Amino acid sequence: MRSRYTAYVLELGDYLLRTWHPDTRPANLDLGEPVRWLGLEVRRHQVIDATHAEVEFVARYRQQGRAVRMHERSRFVLEAGQWLYVDGDFL
């Protein structure tokens, strides 16, 4: 989770796609207009089983002078030794 947040901060779209599960990964990733990331708070981490986990987080950023707070519960799966983002629900 933290590495994906850092990839958003550094606009590393290739890394984001590599760490996204192929079943839900978009063909292309448009990061949109530049944003100023302000912080990440991991609120909860839950191991479901040996290959599945959930992370609840709040990420804050500023875009076009407006503060935005993104609260999500993300699902991850472990494949070939790497955790991959599957999907998430905005809270």
PDB file of N, CA and C in Angstrom:
ATOM      1  N   MET A   1       0.828  -1.193   0.000  1.00  0.00           N
ATOM      2  CA  MET A   1       0.000   0.000   0.000  1.00  0.00           C
ATOM      3  C   MET A   1       0.866   1.248   0.000  1.00  0.00           C
ATOM      4  N   ARG A   2       1.833   1.288   0.879  1.00  0.00           N
ATOM      5  CA  ARG A   2       2.686   2.474   0.956  1.00  0.00           C
ATOM      6  C   ARG A   2       3.504   2.656  -0.320  1.00  0.00           C
ATOM      7  N   SER A   3       3.947   1.566  -0.913  1.00  0.00           N
ATOM      8  CA  SER A   3       4.727   1.699  -2.144  1.00  0.00           C
ATOM      9  C   SER A   3       3.859   2.228  -3.279  1.00  0.00           C
ATOM     10  N   ARG A   4       2.587   1.841  -3.314  1.00  0.00           N
ATOM     11  CA  ARG A   4       1.696   2.348  -4.361  1.00  0.00           C
ATOM     12  C   ARG A   4       1.401   3.835  -4.131  1.00  0.00           C
ATOM     13  N   TYR A   5       1.232   4.235  -2.875  1.00  0.00           N
ATOM     14  CA  TYR A   5       1.043   5.653  -2.579  1.00  0.00           C
ATOM     15  C   TYR A   5       2.265   6.444  -3.067  1.00  0.00           C
ATOM     16  N   THR A   6       3.457   5.954  -2.752  1.00  0.00           N
ATOM     17  CA  THR A   6       4.683   6.619  -3.185  1.00  0.00           C
ATOM     18  C   THR A   6       4.744   6.694  -4.706  1.00  0.00           C
ATOM     19  N   ALA A   7       4.296   5.639  -5.379  1.00  0.00           N
ATOM     20  CA  ALA A   7       4.285   5.652  -6.848  1.00  0.00           C
ATOM     21  C   ALA A   7       3.342   6.724  -7.380  1.00  0.00           C
ATOM     22  N   TYR A   8       2.213   6.930  -6.715  1.00  0.00           N
ATOM     23  CA  TYR A   8       1.322   8.027  -7.129  1.00  0.00           C
ATOM     24  C   TYR A   8       2.010   9.375  -6.916  1.00  0.00           C
ATOM     25  N   VAL A   9       2.667   9.529  -5.771  1.00  0.00           N
ATOM     26  CA  VAL A   9       3.375  10.785  -5.479  1.00  0.00           C
ATOM     27  C   VAL A   9       4.415  11.076  -6.555  1.00  0.00           C
ATOM     28  N   LEU A  10       5.161  10.052  -6.952  1.00  0.00           N
ATOM     29  CA  LEU A  10       6.242  10.218  -7.924  1.00  0.00           C
ATOM     30  C   LEU A  10       5.783  10.033  -9.371  1.00  0.00           C
ATOM     31  N   GLU A  11       4.485   9.817  -9.553  1.00  0.00           N
ATOM     32  CA  GLU A  11       3.882   9.621 -10.873  1.00  0.00           C
ATOM     33  C   GLU A  11       4.543   8.470 -11.636  1.00  0.00           C
ATOM     34  N   LEU A  12       4.705   7.340 -10.955  1.00  0.00           N
ATOM     35  CA  LEU A  12       5.315   6.147 -11.535  1.00  0.00           C
ATOM     36  C   LEU A  12       4.225   5.200 -12.027  1.00  0.00           C
ATOM     37  N   GLY A  13       3.611   5.566 -13.115  1.00  0.00           N
ATOM     38  CA  GLY A  13       2.505   4.792 -13.666  1.00  0.00           C
ATOM     39  C   GLY A  13       2.874   3.362 -13.989  1.00  0.00           C
ATOM     40  N   ASP A  14       4.088   3.124 -14.484  1.00  0.00           N
ATOM     41  CA  ASP A  14       4.519   1.761 -14.810  1.00  0.00           C
ATOM     42  C   ASP A  14       4.517   0.876 -13.564  1.00  0.00           C
ATOM     43  N   TYR A  15       4.982   1.415 -12.443  1.00  0.00           N
ATOM     44  CA  TYR A  15       4.988   0.646 -11.194  1.00  0.00           C
ATOM     45  C   TYR A  15       3.563   0.339 -10.752  1.00  0.00           C
ATOM     46  N   LEU A  16       2.694   1.320 -10.856  1.00  0.00           N
ATOM     47  CA  LEU A  16       1.302   1.102 -10.462  1.00  0.00           C
ATOM     48  C   LEU A  16       0.668  -0.011 -11.286  1.00  0.00           C
ATOM     49  N   LEU A  17       0.912  -0.010 -12.575  1.00  0.00           N
ATOM     50  CA  LEU A  17       0.366  -1.068 -13.424  1.00  0.00           C
ATOM     51  C   LEU A  17       0.978  -2.425 -13.089  1.00  0.00           C
ATOM     52  N   ARG A  18       2.276  -2.474 -12.799  1.00  0.00           N
ATOM     53  CA  ARG A  18       2.937  -3.740 -12.454  1.00  0.00           C
ATOM     54  C   ARG A  18       2.422  -4.321 -11.144  1.00  0.00           C
ATOM     55  N   THR A  19       1.959  -3.470 -10.241  1.00  0.00           N
ATOM     56  CA  THR A  19       1.486  -3.942  -8.939  1.00  0.00           C
ATOM     57  C   THR A  19      -0.040  -4.027  -8.884  1.00  0.00           C
ATOM     58  N   TRP A  20      -0.675  -4.026 -10.032  1.00  0.00           N
ATOM     59  CA  TRP A  20      -2.135  -4.132 -10.154  1.00  0.00           C
ATOM     60  C   TRP A  20      -2.448  -5.519 -10.694  1.00  0.00           C
ATOM     61  N   HIS A  21      -3.376  -6.212 -10.108  1.00  0.00           N
ATOM     62  CA  HIS A  21      -3.709  -7.565 -10.553  1.00  0.00           C
ATOM     63  C   HIS A  21      -4.197  -7.528 -11.999  1.00  0.00           C
ATOM     64  N   PRO A  22      -3.722  -8.452 -12.855  1.00  0.00           N
ATOM     65  CA  PRO A  22      -4.090  -8.418 -14.276  1.00  0.00           C
ATOM     66  C   PRO A  22      -5.589  -8.561 -14.543  1.00  0.00           C
ATOM     67  N   ASP A  23      -6.328  -9.168 -13.626  1.00  0.00           N
ATOM     68  CA  ASP A  23      -7.778  -9.310 -13.828  1.00  0.00           C
ATOM     69  C   ASP A  23      -8.525  -7.984 -13.722  1.00  0.00           C
ATOM     70  N   THR A  24      -7.955  -7.015 -13.010  1.00  0.00           N
ATOM     71  CA  THR A  24      -8.641  -5.726 -12.813  1.00  0.00           C
ATOM     72  C   THR A  24      -7.828  -4.538 -13.294  1.00  0.00           C
ATOM     73  N   ARG A  25      -6.618  -4.778 -13.761  1.00  0.00           N
ATOM     74  CA  ARG A  25      -5.718  -3.700 -14.202  1.00  0.00           C
ATOM     75  C   ARG A  25      -6.231  -3.065 -15.494  1.00  0.00           C
ATOM     76  N   PRO A  26      -6.243  -1.736 -15.549  1.00  0.00           N
ATOM     77  CA  PRO A  26      -6.620  -1.073 -16.801  1.00  0.00           C
ATOM     78  C   PRO A  26      -5.518  -1.245 -17.851  1.00  0.00           C
ATOM     79  N   ALA A  27      -5.882  -1.134 -19.102  1.00  0.00           N
ATOM     80  CA  ALA A  27      -4.899  -1.243 -20.186  1.00  0.00           C
ATOM     81  C   ALA A  27      -3.892  -0.105 -20.116  1.00  0.00           C
ATOM     82  N   ASN A  28      -4.366   1.073 -19.769  1.00  0.00           N
ATOM     83  CA  ASN A  28      -3.529   2.261 -19.640  1.00  0.00           C
ATOM     84  C   ASN A  28      -3.916   2.971 -18.357  1.00  0.00           C
ATOM     85  N   LEU A  29      -2.996   3.735 -17.823  1.00  0.00           N
ATOM     86  CA  LEU A  29      -3.257   4.479 -16.601  1.00  0.00           C
ATOM     87  C   LEU A  29      -3.015   5.957 -16.854  1.00  0.00           C
ATOM     88  N   ASP A  30      -4.073   6.733 -16.783  1.00  0.00           N
ATOM     89  CA  ASP A  30      -3.977   8.179 -16.927  1.00  0.00           C
ATOM     90  C   ASP A  30      -4.005   8.776 -15.525  1.00  0.00           C
ATOM     91  N   LEU A  31      -2.900   9.313 -15.085  1.00  0.00           N
ATOM     92  CA  LEU A  31      -2.832   9.883 -13.748  1.00  0.00           C
ATOM     93  C   LEU A  31      -3.521  11.237 -13.662  1.00  0.00           C
ATOM     94  N   GLY A  32      -4.014  11.727 -14.781  1.00  0.00           N
ATOM     95  CA  GLY A  32      -4.776  12.971 -14.771  1.00  0.00           C
ATOM     96  C   GLY A  32      -3.917  14.176 -14.497  1.00  0.00           C
ATOM     97  N   GLU A  33      -4.588  15.221 -14.026  1.00  0.00           N
ATOM     98  CA  GLU A  33      -3.884  16.464 -13.716  1.00  0.00           C
ATOM     99  C   GLU A  33      -2.969  16.251 -12.516  1.00  0.00           C
ATOM    100  N   PRO A  34      -1.843  16.942 -12.499  1.00  0.00           N
ATOM    101  CA  PRO A  34      -0.927  16.796 -11.364  1.00  0.00           C
ATOM    102  C   PRO A  34      -1.599  17.190 -10.055  1.00  0.00           C
ATOM    103  N   VAL A  35      -1.266  16.449  -9.021  1.00  0.00           N
ATOM    104  CA  VAL A  35      -1.778  16.748  -7.687  1.00  0.00           C
ATOM    105  C   VAL A  35      -0.597  16.856  -6.733  1.00  0.00           C
ATOM    106  N   ARG A  36      -0.824  17.517  -5.632  1.00  0.00           N
ATOM    107  CA  ARG A  36       0.193  17.604  -4.576  1.00  0.00           C
ATOM    108  C   ARG A  36      -0.272  16.689  -3.444  1.00  0.00           C
ATOM    109  N   TRP A  37       0.401  15.568  -3.296  1.00  0.00           N
ATOM    110  CA  TRP A  37       0.041  14.605  -2.264  1.00  0.00           C
ATOM    111  C   TRP A  37       0.482  15.134  -0.912  1.00  0.00           C
ATOM    112  N   LEU A  38      -0.395  15.004   0.082  1.00  0.00           N
ATOM    113  CA  LEU A  38      -0.149  15.582   1.403  1.00  0.00           C
ATOM    114  C   LEU A  38       0.071  14.551   2.497  1.00  0.00           C
ATOM    115  N   GLY A  39      -0.321  13.308   2.258  1.00  0.00           N
ATOM    116  CA  GLY A  39      -0.090  12.303   3.292  1.00  0.00           C
ATOM    117  C   GLY A  39      -0.951  11.070   3.141  1.00  0.00           C
ATOM    118  N   LEU A  40      -0.496  10.013   3.794  1.00  0.00           N
ATOM    119  CA  LEU A  40      -1.183   8.727   3.800  1.00  0.00           C
ATOM    120  C   LEU A  40      -1.327   8.272   5.237  1.00  0.00           C
ATOM    121  N   GLU A  41      -2.526   7.872   5.607  1.00  0.00           N
ATOM    122  CA  GLU A  41      -2.787   7.286   6.915  1.00  0.00           C
ATOM    123  C   GLU A  41      -3.376   5.899   6.683  1.00  0.00           C
ATOM    124  N   VAL A  42      -2.636   4.869   7.072  1.00  0.00           N
ATOM    125  CA  VAL A  42      -3.161   3.509   7.008  1.00  0.00           C
ATOM    126  C   VAL A  42      -3.942   3.290   8.298  1.00  0.00           C
ATOM    127  N   ARG A  43      -5.237   3.093   8.151  1.00  0.00           N
ATOM    128  CA  ARG A  43      -6.096   2.962   9.325  1.00  0.00           C
ATOM    129  C   ARG A  43      -6.248   1.528   9.806  1.00  0.00           C
ATOM    130  N   ARG A  44      -6.201   0.594   8.868  1.00  0.00           N
ATOM    131  CA  ARG A  44      -6.410  -0.789   9.254  1.00  0.00           C
ATOM    132  C   ARG A  44      -5.804  -1.697   8.199  1.00  0.00           C
ATOM    133  N   HIS A  45      -5.234  -2.781   8.668  1.00  0.00           N
ATOM    134  CA  HIS A  45      -4.692  -3.811   7.782  1.00  0.00           C
ATOM    135  C   HIS A  45      -5.241  -5.136   8.293  1.00  0.00           C
ATOM    136  N   GLN A  46      -5.888  -5.894   7.425  1.00  0.00           N
ATOM    137  CA  GLN A  46      -6.468  -7.160   7.839  1.00  0.00           C
ATOM    138  C   GLN A  46      -6.012  -8.269   6.899  1.00  0.00           C
ATOM    139  N   VAL A  47      -5.373  -9.270   7.468  1.00  0.00           N
ATOM    140  CA  VAL A  47      -4.992 -10.444   6.702  1.00  0.00           C
ATOM    141  C   VAL A  47      -6.220 -11.351   6.652  1.00  0.00           C
ATOM    142  N   ILE A  48      -6.670 -11.668   5.445  1.00  0.00           N
ATOM    143  CA  ILE A  48      -7.839 -12.531   5.270  1.00  0.00           C
ATOM    144  C   ILE A  48      -7.397 -13.996   5.327  1.00  0.00           C
ATOM    145  N   ASP A  49      -6.358 -14.318   4.584  1.00  0.00           N
ATOM    146  CA  ASP A  49      -5.728 -15.636   4.604  1.00  0.00           C
ATOM    147  C   ASP A  49      -4.306 -15.464   4.079  1.00  0.00           C
ATOM    148  N   ALA A  50      -3.634 -16.554   3.758  1.00  0.00           N
ATOM    149  CA  ALA A  50      -2.226 -16.480   3.370  1.00  0.00           C
ATOM    150  C   ALA A  50      -1.972 -15.670   2.104  1.00  0.00           C
ATOM    151  N   THR A  51      -2.990 -15.496   1.259  1.00  0.00           N
ATOM    152  CA  THR A  51      -2.780 -14.797  -0.014  1.00  0.00           C
ATOM    153  C   THR A  51      -3.732 -13.628  -0.242  1.00  0.00           C
ATOM    154  N   HIS A  52      -4.515 -13.261   0.768  1.00  0.00           N
ATOM    155  CA  HIS A  52      -5.467 -12.156   0.615  1.00  0.00           C
ATOM    156  C   HIS A  52      -5.400 -11.226   1.821  1.00  0.00           C
ATOM    157  N   ALA A  53      -5.457  -9.929   1.553  1.00  0.00           N
ATOM    158  CA  ALA A  53      -5.439  -8.935   2.630  1.00  0.00           C
ATOM    159  C   ALA A  53      -6.225  -7.705   2.201  1.00  0.00           C
ATOM    160  N   GLU A  54      -6.650  -6.940   3.202  1.00  0.00           N
ATOM    161  CA  GLU A  54      -7.329  -5.664   2.959  1.00  0.00           C
ATOM    162  C   GLU A  54      -6.608  -4.573   3.721  1.00  0.00           C
ATOM    163  N   VAL A  55      -6.598  -3.385   3.131  1.00  0.00           N
ATOM    164  CA  VAL A  55      -6.000  -2.217   3.767  1.00  0.00           C
ATOM    165  C   VAL A  55      -6.993  -1.067   3.665  1.00  0.00           C
ATOM    166  N   GLU A  56      -7.317  -0.485   4.801  1.00  0.00           N
ATOM    167  CA  GLU A  56      -8.144   0.725   4.817  1.00  0.00           C
ATOM    168  C   GLU A  56      -7.214   1.910   5.029  1.00  0.00           C
ATOM    169  N   PHE A  57      -7.359   2.925   4.183  1.00  0.00           N
ATOM    170  CA  PHE A  57      -6.456   4.063   4.269  1.00  0.00           C
ATOM    171  C   PHE A  57      -7.192   5.358   3.932  1.00  0.00           C
ATOM    172  N   VAL A  58      -6.559   6.448   4.321  1.00  0.00           N
ATOM    173  CA  VAL A  58      -6.983   7.786   3.918  1.00  0.00           C
ATOM    174  C   VAL A  58      -5.758   8.452   3.300  1.00  0.00           C
ATOM    175  N   ALA A  59      -5.905   8.897   2.061  1.00  0.00           N
ATOM    176  CA  ALA A  59      -4.848   9.657   1.384  1.00  0.00           C
ATOM    177  C   ALA A  59      -5.375  11.067   1.162  1.00  0.00           C
ATOM    178  N   ARG A  60      -4.529  12.033   1.422  1.00  0.00           N
ATOM    179  CA  ARG A  60      -4.922  13.427   1.234  1.00  0.00           C
ATOM    180  C   ARG A  60      -4.056  14.058   0.155  1.00  0.00           C
ATOM    181  N   TYR A  61      -4.708  14.894  -0.658  1.00  0.00           N
ATOM    182  CA  TYR A  61      -3.967  15.611  -1.692  1.00  0.00           C
ATOM    183  C   TYR A  61      -4.664  16.913  -2.014  1.00  0.00           C
ATOM    184  N   ARG A  62      -3.948  17.771  -2.708  1.00  0.00           N
ATOM    185  CA  ARG A  62      -4.483  19.066  -3.136  1.00  0.00           C
ATOM    186  C   ARG A  62      -4.416  19.096  -4.653  1.00  0.00           C
ATOM    187  N   GLN A  63      -5.544  19.469  -5.259  1.00  0.00           N
ATOM    188  CA  GLN A  63      -5.622  19.558  -6.716  1.00  0.00           C
ATOM    189  C   GLN A  63      -6.345  20.842  -7.078  1.00  0.00           C
ATOM    190  N   GLN A  64      -5.691  21.646  -7.895  1.00  0.00           N
ATOM    191  CA  GLN A  64      -6.236  22.941  -8.314  1.00  0.00           C
ATOM    192  C   GLN A  64      -6.690  23.763  -7.111  1.00  0.00           C
ATOM    193  N   GLY A  65      -5.856  23.748  -6.052  1.00  0.00           N
ATOM    194  CA  GLY A  65      -6.134  24.546  -4.867  1.00  0.00           C
ATOM    195  C   GLY A  65      -7.174  23.959  -3.937  1.00  0.00           C
ATOM    196  N   ARG A  66      -7.732  22.819  -4.278  1.00  0.00           N
ATOM    197  CA  ARG A  66      -8.790  22.203  -3.474  1.00  0.00           C
ATOM    198  C   ARG A  66      -8.244  20.973  -2.733  1.00  0.00           C
ATOM    199  N   ALA A  67      -8.507  20.893  -1.433  1.00  0.00           N
ATOM    200  CA  ALA A  67      -8.077  19.750  -0.635  1.00  0.00           C
ATOM    201  C   ALA A  67      -9.041  18.588  -0.866  1.00  0.00           C
ATOM    202  N   VAL A  68      -8.464  17.395  -1.050  1.00  0.00           N
ATOM    203  CA  VAL A  68      -9.258  16.192  -1.299  1.00  0.00           C
ATOM    204  C   VAL A  68      -8.806  15.114  -0.320  1.00  0.00           C
ATOM    205  N   ARG A  69      -9.780  14.371   0.174  1.00  0.00           N
ATOM    206  CA  ARG A  69      -9.517  13.273   1.101  1.00  0.00           C
ATOM    207  C   ARG A  69     -10.090  12.012   0.474  1.00  0.00           C
ATOM    208  N   MET A  70      -9.243  11.018   0.221  1.00  0.00           N
ATOM    209  CA  MET A  70      -9.686   9.771  -0.389  1.00  0.00           C
ATOM    210  C   MET A  70      -9.607   8.669   0.673  1.00  0.00           C
ATOM    211  N   HIS A  71     -10.762   8.098   1.006  1.00  0.00           N
ATOM    212  CA  HIS A  71     -10.850   7.056   2.023  1.00  0.00           C
ATOM    213  C   HIS A  71     -11.270   5.779   1.299  1.00  0.00           C
ATOM    214  N   GLU A  72     -10.449   4.740   1.375  1.00  0.00           N
ATOM    215  CA  GLU A  72     -10.709   3.522   0.604  1.00  0.00           C
ATOM    216  C   GLU A  72     -10.354   2.278   1.403  1.00  0.00           C
ATOM    217  N   ARG A  73     -11.075   1.205   1.137  1.00  0.00           N
ATOM    218  CA  ARG A  73     -10.700  -0.129   1.591  1.00  0.00           C
ATOM    219  C   ARG A  73     -10.236  -0.884   0.353  1.00  0.00           C
ATOM    220  N   SER A  74      -8.962  -1.216   0.305  1.00  0.00           N
ATOM    221  CA  SER A  74      -8.364  -1.867  -0.860  1.00  0.00           C
ATOM    222  C   SER A  74      -8.163  -3.349  -0.588  1.00  0.00           C
ATOM    223  N   ARG A  75      -8.310  -4.143  -1.640  1.00  0.00           N
ATOM    224  CA  ARG A  75      -8.077  -5.575  -1.549  1.00  0.00           C
ATOM    225  C   ARG A  75      -6.821  -5.935  -2.338  1.00  0.00           C
ATOM    226  N   PHE A  76      -6.008  -6.798  -1.739  1.00  0.00           N
ATOM    227  CA  PHE A  76      -4.753  -7.242  -2.336  1.00  0.00           C
ATOM    228  C   PHE A  76      -4.692  -8.762  -2.340  1.00  0.00           C
ATOM    229  N   VAL A  77      -3.965  -9.303  -3.308  1.00  0.00           N
ATOM    230  CA  VAL A  77      -3.740 -10.739  -3.399  1.00  0.00           C
ATOM    231  C   VAL A  77      -2.240 -10.971  -3.600  1.00  0.00           C
ATOM    232  N   LEU A  78      -1.713 -12.008  -2.967  1.00  0.00           N
ATOM    233  CA  LEU A  78      -0.302 -12.350  -3.091  1.00  0.00           C
ATOM    234  C   LEU A  78      -0.146 -13.385  -4.191  1.00  0.00           C
ATOM    235  N   GLU A  79       0.628 -13.030  -5.220  1.00  0.00           N
ATOM    236  CA  GLU A  79       0.907 -13.941  -6.325  1.00  0.00           C
ATOM    237  C   GLU A  79       2.385 -13.871  -6.660  1.00  0.00           C
ATOM    238  N   ALA A  80       3.012 -15.036  -6.766  1.00  0.00           N
ATOM    239  CA  ALA A  80       4.442 -15.128  -7.102  1.00  0.00           C
ATOM    240  C   ALA A  80       5.290 -14.240  -6.192  1.00  0.00           C
ATOM    241  N   GLY A  81       4.931 -14.203  -4.911  1.00  0.00           N
ATOM    242  CA  GLY A  81       5.709 -13.447  -3.936  1.00  0.00           C
ATOM    243  C   GLY A  81       5.485 -11.946  -3.930  1.00  0.00           C
ATOM    244  N   GLN A  82       4.523 -11.453  -4.697  1.00  0.00           N
ATOM    245  CA  GLN A  82       4.265 -10.013  -4.765  1.00  0.00           C
ATOM    246  C   GLN A  82       2.798  -9.726  -4.469  1.00  0.00           C
ATOM    247  N   TRP A  83       2.567  -8.721  -3.607  1.00  0.00           N
ATOM    248  CA  TRP A  83       1.203  -8.286  -3.327  1.00  0.00           C
ATOM    249  C   TRP A  83       0.722  -7.416  -4.479  1.00  0.00           C
ATOM    250  N   LEU A  84      -0.456  -7.742  -4.993  1.00  0.00           N
ATOM    251  CA  LEU A  84      -1.039  -7.013  -6.115  1.00  0.00           C
ATOM    252  C   LEU A  84      -2.359  -6.394  -5.695  1.00  0.00           C
ATOM    253  N   TYR A  85      -2.562  -5.147  -6.083  1.00  0.00           N
ATOM    254  CA  TYR A  85      -3.827  -4.459  -5.841  1.00  0.00           C
ATOM    255  C   TYR A  85      -4.892  -5.095  -6.744  1.00  0.00           C
ATOM    256  N   VAL A  86      -6.034  -5.453  -6.154  1.00  0.00           N
ATOM    257  CA  VAL A  86      -7.138  -6.040  -6.922  1.00  0.00           C
ATOM    258  C   VAL A  86      -8.193  -4.978  -7.189  1.00  0.00           C
ATOM    259  N   ASP A  87      -8.750  -4.425  -6.129  1.00  0.00           N
ATOM    260  CA  ASP A  87      -9.766  -3.378  -6.255  1.00  0.00           C
ATOM    261  C   ASP A  87     -10.005  -2.760  -4.895  1.00  0.00           C
ATOM    262  N   GLY A  88     -10.938  -1.837  -4.840  1.00  0.00           N
ATOM    263  CA  GLY A  88     -11.235  -1.180  -3.583  1.00  0.00           C
ATOM    264  C   GLY A  88     -12.603  -0.533  -3.570  1.00  0.00           C
ATOM    265  N   ASP A  89     -13.043  -0.210  -2.388  1.00  0.00           N
ATOM    266  CA  ASP A  89     -14.319   0.481  -2.187  1.00  0.00           C
ATOM    267  C   ASP A  89     -14.040   1.812  -1.505  1.00  0.00           C
ATOM    268  N   PHE A  90     -14.605   2.875  -2.073  1.00  0.00           N
ATOM    269  CA  PHE A  90     -14.486   4.177  -1.420  1.00  0.00           C
ATOM    270  C   PHE A  90     -15.410   4.198  -0.216  1.00  0.00           C
ATOM    271  N   LEU A  91     -14.920   4.726   0.875  1.00  0.00           N
ATOM    272  CA  LEU A  91     -15.694   4.789   2.116  1.00  0.00           C
ATOM    273  C   LEU A  91     -16.091   6.208   2.429  1.00  0.00           C
TER     274      LEU A  91
END
